[in-house]
Amino acid sequence: MREWHLKHMQETIIKYVRGLPEDASRYEKKLYKRYGGIINVCKSIEYDLKHGVTTTELFSFLQRIVTEPSFSELCKNNASLDRLHELKAHFT
């Protein structure tokens, strides 16, 4: 069960940092506005932290996004980096 929460946390962070695509439909924009904001993302991550994910794993994953080449497309966008720093600031 802990592994599920770890994977869910990682997917939530990636989805938030990636943001909406340029060609998002009205429905996707509506869902992102309702559920994709920093408050809902932090609530979801806090839920995962409560159910077995450690803060060390959270911060190591946030660091992996910046350093690993597999996440390099996320780091090219300044808005994505701003969202990533916003997440780090919330949990420090």
N, C-alpha and C. Protein backbone atom coordinates (compact mmCIF):
# COMPACT_ATOMS: atom_id res chain seq x y z
N MET A 1 0.82 -1.19 0.00
CA MET A 1 0.00 0.00 0.00
C MET A 1 0.87 1.26 0.00
N ARG A 2 1.99 1.21 0.69
CA ARG A 2 2.90 2.35 0.75
C ARG A 2 3.45 2.68 -0.64
N GLU A 3 3.73 1.64 -1.41
CA GLU A 3 4.26 1.85 -2.76
C GLU A 3 3.23 2.57 -3.63
N TRP A 4 1.94 2.25 -3.42
CA TRP A 4 0.89 2.91 -4.18
C TRP A 4 0.88 4.41 -3.87
N HIS A 5 1.02 4.75 -2.60
CA HIS A 5 1.02 6.16 -2.22
C HIS A 5 2.25 6.88 -2.75
N LEU A 6 3.37 6.19 -2.78
CA LEU A 6 4.59 6.79 -3.34
C LEU A 6 4.40 7.08 -4.82
N LYS A 7 3.87 6.12 -5.55
CA LYS A 7 3.64 6.29 -6.98
C LYS A 7 2.60 7.39 -7.23
N HIS A 8 1.56 7.42 -6.43
CA HIS A 8 0.53 8.45 -6.56
C HIS A 8 1.11 9.84 -6.32
N MET A 9 1.97 9.96 -5.32
CA MET A 9 2.60 11.24 -5.02
C MET A 9 3.45 11.70 -6.21
N GLN A 10 4.23 10.79 -6.77
CA GLN A 10 5.08 11.14 -7.90
C GLN A 10 4.27 11.57 -9.11
N GLU A 11 3.19 10.85 -9.40
CA GLU A 11 2.33 11.20 -10.52
C GLU A 11 1.66 12.55 -10.31
N THR A 12 1.24 12.82 -9.09
CA THR A 12 0.60 14.09 -8.77
C THR A 12 1.57 15.24 -8.97
N ILE A 13 2.80 15.07 -8.52
CA ILE A 13 3.81 16.13 -8.66
C ILE A 13 4.12 16.38 -10.13
N ILE A 14 4.31 15.31 -10.90
CA ILE A 14 4.63 15.47 -12.32
C ILE A 14 3.48 16.16 -13.05
N LYS A 15 2.25 15.75 -12.76
CA LYS A 15 1.09 16.35 -13.42
C LYS A 15 0.99 17.84 -13.08
N TYR A 16 1.26 18.19 -11.83
CA TYR A 16 1.17 19.59 -11.43
C TYR A 16 2.30 20.42 -12.05
N VAL A 17 3.50 19.89 -12.03
CA VAL A 17 4.64 20.64 -12.56
C VAL A 17 4.51 20.80 -14.08
N ARG A 18 3.99 19.79 -14.75
CA ARG A 18 3.83 19.86 -16.20
C ARG A 18 2.81 20.94 -16.58
N GLY A 19 1.73 21.04 -15.84
CA GLY A 19 0.71 22.06 -16.13
C GLY A 19 -0.19 21.64 -17.27
N LEU A 20 -0.97 22.58 -17.73
CA LEU A 20 -1.89 22.34 -18.85
C LEU A 20 -1.17 22.49 -20.18
N PRO A 21 -1.49 21.63 -21.14
CA PRO A 21 -0.93 21.83 -22.48
C PRO A 21 -1.58 23.03 -23.16
N GLU A 22 -0.93 23.53 -24.17
CA GLU A 22 -1.45 24.69 -24.91
C GLU A 22 -2.80 24.39 -25.56
N ASP A 23 -2.98 23.16 -26.02
CA ASP A 23 -4.20 22.81 -26.75
C ASP A 23 -5.23 22.08 -25.86
N ALA A 24 -5.28 22.44 -24.60
CA ALA A 24 -6.22 21.79 -23.67
C ALA A 24 -7.65 22.16 -24.04
N SER A 25 -8.54 21.20 -23.88
CA SER A 25 -9.95 21.45 -24.16
C SER A 25 -10.57 22.27 -23.03
N ARG A 26 -11.78 22.75 -23.26
CA ARG A 26 -12.47 23.52 -22.22
C ARG A 26 -12.70 22.66 -20.98
N TYR A 27 -13.00 21.39 -21.21
CA TYR A 27 -13.23 20.47 -20.09
C TYR A 27 -11.96 20.27 -19.26
N GLU A 28 -10.82 20.09 -19.94
CA GLU A 28 -9.55 19.93 -19.23
C GLU A 28 -9.20 21.19 -18.44
N LYS A 29 -9.46 22.35 -19.01
CA LYS A 29 -9.19 23.61 -18.31
C LYS A 29 -10.08 23.74 -17.08
N LYS A 30 -11.34 23.34 -17.23
CA LYS A 30 -12.27 23.40 -16.11
C LYS A 30 -11.82 22.48 -14.98
N LEU A 31 -11.42 21.24 -15.32
CA LEU A 31 -10.95 20.30 -14.30
C LEU A 31 -9.67 20.78 -13.65
N TYR A 32 -8.77 21.36 -14.44
CA TYR A 32 -7.51 21.85 -13.89
C TYR A 32 -7.77 23.01 -12.94
N LYS A 33 -8.70 23.87 -13.31
CA LYS A 33 -9.02 25.00 -12.45
C LYS A 33 -9.62 24.52 -11.13
N ARG A 34 -10.43 23.47 -11.19
CA ARG A 34 -11.10 22.98 -10.00
C ARG A 34 -10.18 22.13 -9.12
N TYR A 35 -9.39 21.23 -9.72
CA TYR A 35 -8.64 20.26 -8.94
C TYR A 35 -7.12 20.37 -9.08
N GLY A 36 -6.63 21.17 -9.99
CA GLY A 36 -5.20 21.17 -10.29
C GLY A 36 -4.40 22.26 -9.62
N GLY A 37 -4.99 23.03 -8.74
CA GLY A 37 -4.28 24.12 -8.11
C GLY A 37 -3.35 23.63 -7.01
N ILE A 38 -2.54 24.53 -6.52
CA ILE A 38 -1.54 24.19 -5.50
C ILE A 38 -2.19 23.66 -4.23
N ILE A 39 -3.35 24.17 -3.86
CA ILE A 39 -3.98 23.73 -2.62
C ILE A 39 -4.40 22.27 -2.71
N ASN A 40 -5.04 21.88 -3.81
CA ASN A 40 -5.47 20.49 -3.96
C ASN A 40 -4.29 19.54 -4.12
N VAL A 41 -3.26 19.99 -4.81
CA VAL A 41 -2.07 19.15 -4.99
C VAL A 41 -1.39 18.92 -3.64
N CYS A 42 -1.27 19.96 -2.84
CA CYS A 42 -0.64 19.82 -1.52
C CYS A 42 -1.47 18.93 -0.60
N LYS A 43 -2.80 19.04 -0.69
CA LYS A 43 -3.65 18.16 0.11
C LYS A 43 -3.44 16.70 -0.28
N SER A 44 -3.32 16.45 -1.56
CA SER A 44 -3.10 15.09 -2.04
C SER A 44 -1.75 14.55 -1.57
N ILE A 45 -0.73 15.38 -1.64
CA ILE A 45 0.61 14.97 -1.19
C ILE A 45 0.62 14.76 0.32
N GLU A 46 -0.05 15.63 1.05
CA GLU A 46 -0.12 15.47 2.51
C GLU A 46 -0.84 14.17 2.88
N TYR A 47 -1.85 13.79 2.12
CA TYR A 47 -2.54 12.53 2.35
C TYR A 47 -1.57 11.36 2.14
N ASP A 48 -0.77 11.44 1.08
CA ASP A 48 0.22 10.38 0.84
C ASP A 48 1.27 10.35 1.93
N LEU A 49 1.67 11.52 2.43
CA LEU A 49 2.65 11.58 3.52
C LEU A 49 2.07 10.94 4.79
N LYS A 50 0.80 11.13 5.00
CA LYS A 50 0.13 10.57 6.17
C LYS A 50 0.05 9.04 6.09
N HIS A 51 0.07 8.49 4.87
CA HIS A 51 -0.11 7.06 4.69
C HIS A 51 1.16 6.34 4.25
N GLY A 52 2.31 6.81 4.70
CA GLY A 52 3.52 6.01 4.54
C GLY A 52 4.66 6.63 3.77
N VAL A 53 4.42 7.63 2.96
CA VAL A 53 5.51 8.27 2.23
C VAL A 53 6.23 9.20 3.19
N THR A 54 7.55 9.19 3.16
CA THR A 54 8.33 10.05 4.06
C THR A 54 8.66 11.38 3.38
N THR A 55 8.96 12.37 4.18
CA THR A 55 9.34 13.66 3.61
C THR A 55 10.68 13.57 2.89
N THR A 56 11.52 12.65 3.32
CA THR A 56 12.79 12.43 2.62
C THR A 56 12.54 11.96 1.19
N GLU A 57 11.58 11.05 1.02
CA GLU A 57 11.24 10.58 -0.32
C GLU A 57 10.64 11.71 -1.16
N LEU A 58 9.85 12.55 -0.53
CA LEU A 58 9.27 13.68 -1.24
C LEU A 58 10.35 14.61 -1.76
N PHE A 59 11.27 15.02 -0.89
CA PHE A 59 12.31 15.95 -1.30
C PHE A 59 13.32 15.32 -2.26
N SER A 60 13.58 14.02 -2.11
CA SER A 60 14.48 13.37 -3.06
C SER A 60 13.84 13.30 -4.45
N PHE A 61 12.52 13.09 -4.51
CA PHE A 61 11.85 13.08 -5.80
C PHE A 61 11.85 14.48 -6.43
N LEU A 62 11.61 15.50 -5.62
CA LEU A 62 11.66 16.86 -6.15
C LEU A 62 13.05 17.19 -6.69
N GLN A 63 14.08 16.70 -6.01
CA GLN A 63 15.45 16.91 -6.48
C GLN A 63 15.73 16.12 -7.76
N ARG A 64 15.16 14.91 -7.83
CA ARG A 64 15.33 14.08 -9.03
C ARG A 64 14.76 14.76 -10.27
N ILE A 65 13.67 15.47 -10.10
CA ILE A 65 13.06 16.17 -11.24
C ILE A 65 14.04 17.18 -11.82
N VAL A 66 14.79 17.84 -10.97
CA VAL A 66 15.73 18.86 -11.44
C VAL A 66 16.98 18.23 -12.04
N THR A 67 17.47 17.13 -11.47
CA THR A 67 18.77 16.60 -11.85
C THR A 67 18.74 15.52 -12.93
N GLU A 68 17.72 14.70 -12.98
CA GLU A 68 17.72 13.57 -13.91
C GLU A 68 17.37 14.01 -15.33
N PRO A 69 18.06 13.44 -16.31
CA PRO A 69 17.77 13.80 -17.70
C PRO A 69 16.40 13.32 -18.18
N SER A 70 15.82 12.33 -17.54
CA SER A 70 14.51 11.85 -17.97
C SER A 70 13.42 12.89 -17.72
N PHE A 71 13.66 13.84 -16.82
CA PHE A 71 12.71 14.91 -16.54
C PHE A 71 13.16 16.23 -17.16
N SER A 72 14.08 16.19 -18.11
CA SER A 72 14.65 17.42 -18.65
C SER A 72 13.61 18.28 -19.37
N GLU A 73 12.59 17.66 -19.97
CA GLU A 73 11.58 18.46 -20.67
C GLU A 73 10.74 19.28 -19.69
N LEU A 74 10.62 18.80 -18.45
CA LEU A 74 9.90 19.58 -17.44
C LEU A 74 10.68 20.81 -17.04
N CYS A 75 11.99 20.69 -17.00
CA CYS A 75 12.83 21.80 -16.52
C CYS A 75 13.08 22.86 -17.59
N LYS A 76 12.69 22.61 -18.82
CA LYS A 76 12.90 23.61 -19.88
C LYS A 76 11.94 24.78 -19.74
N ASN A 77 10.80 24.55 -19.16
CA ASN A 77 9.77 25.57 -19.05
C ASN A 77 9.92 26.32 -17.72
N ASN A 78 9.99 27.64 -17.78
CA ASN A 78 10.14 28.44 -16.57
C ASN A 78 8.92 28.34 -15.66
N ALA A 79 7.74 28.23 -16.25
CA ALA A 79 6.52 28.10 -15.44
C ALA A 79 6.54 26.79 -14.66
N SER A 80 7.08 25.74 -15.26
CA SER A 80 7.19 24.45 -14.56
C SER A 80 8.14 24.55 -13.39
N LEU A 81 9.25 25.23 -13.59
CA LEU A 81 10.20 25.41 -12.49
C LEU A 81 9.60 26.26 -11.37
N ASP A 82 8.80 27.24 -11.73
CA ASP A 82 8.13 28.06 -10.71
C ASP A 82 7.18 27.20 -9.88
N ARG A 83 6.42 26.34 -10.54
CA ARG A 83 5.51 25.45 -9.81
C ARG A 83 6.28 24.48 -8.94
N LEU A 84 7.42 24.00 -9.41
CA LEU A 84 8.25 23.09 -8.61
C LEU A 84 8.78 23.79 -7.37
N HIS A 85 9.26 25.02 -7.51
CA HIS A 85 9.76 25.78 -6.36
C HIS A 85 8.63 26.11 -5.39
N GLU A 86 7.44 26.32 -5.92
CA GLU A 86 6.28 26.58 -5.08
C GLU A 86 5.97 25.36 -4.22
N LEU A 87 6.07 24.17 -4.80
CA LEU A 87 5.87 22.94 -4.02
C LEU A 87 6.93 22.78 -2.95
N LYS A 88 8.18 23.02 -3.32
CA LYS A 88 9.26 22.92 -2.32
C LYS A 88 9.04 23.88 -1.19
N ALA A 89 8.64 25.10 -1.50
CA ALA A 89 8.43 26.11 -0.47
C ALA A 89 7.28 25.72 0.45
N HIS A 90 6.27 25.08 -0.07
CA HIS A 90 5.14 24.69 0.76
C HIS A 90 5.52 23.63 1.78
N PHE A 91 6.39 22.71 1.40
CA PHE A 91 6.71 21.60 2.30
C PHE A 91 7.97 21.81 3.12
N THR A 92 8.61 22.97 3.01
CA THR A 92 9.77 23.24 3.87
C THR A 92 9.39 24.07 5.05
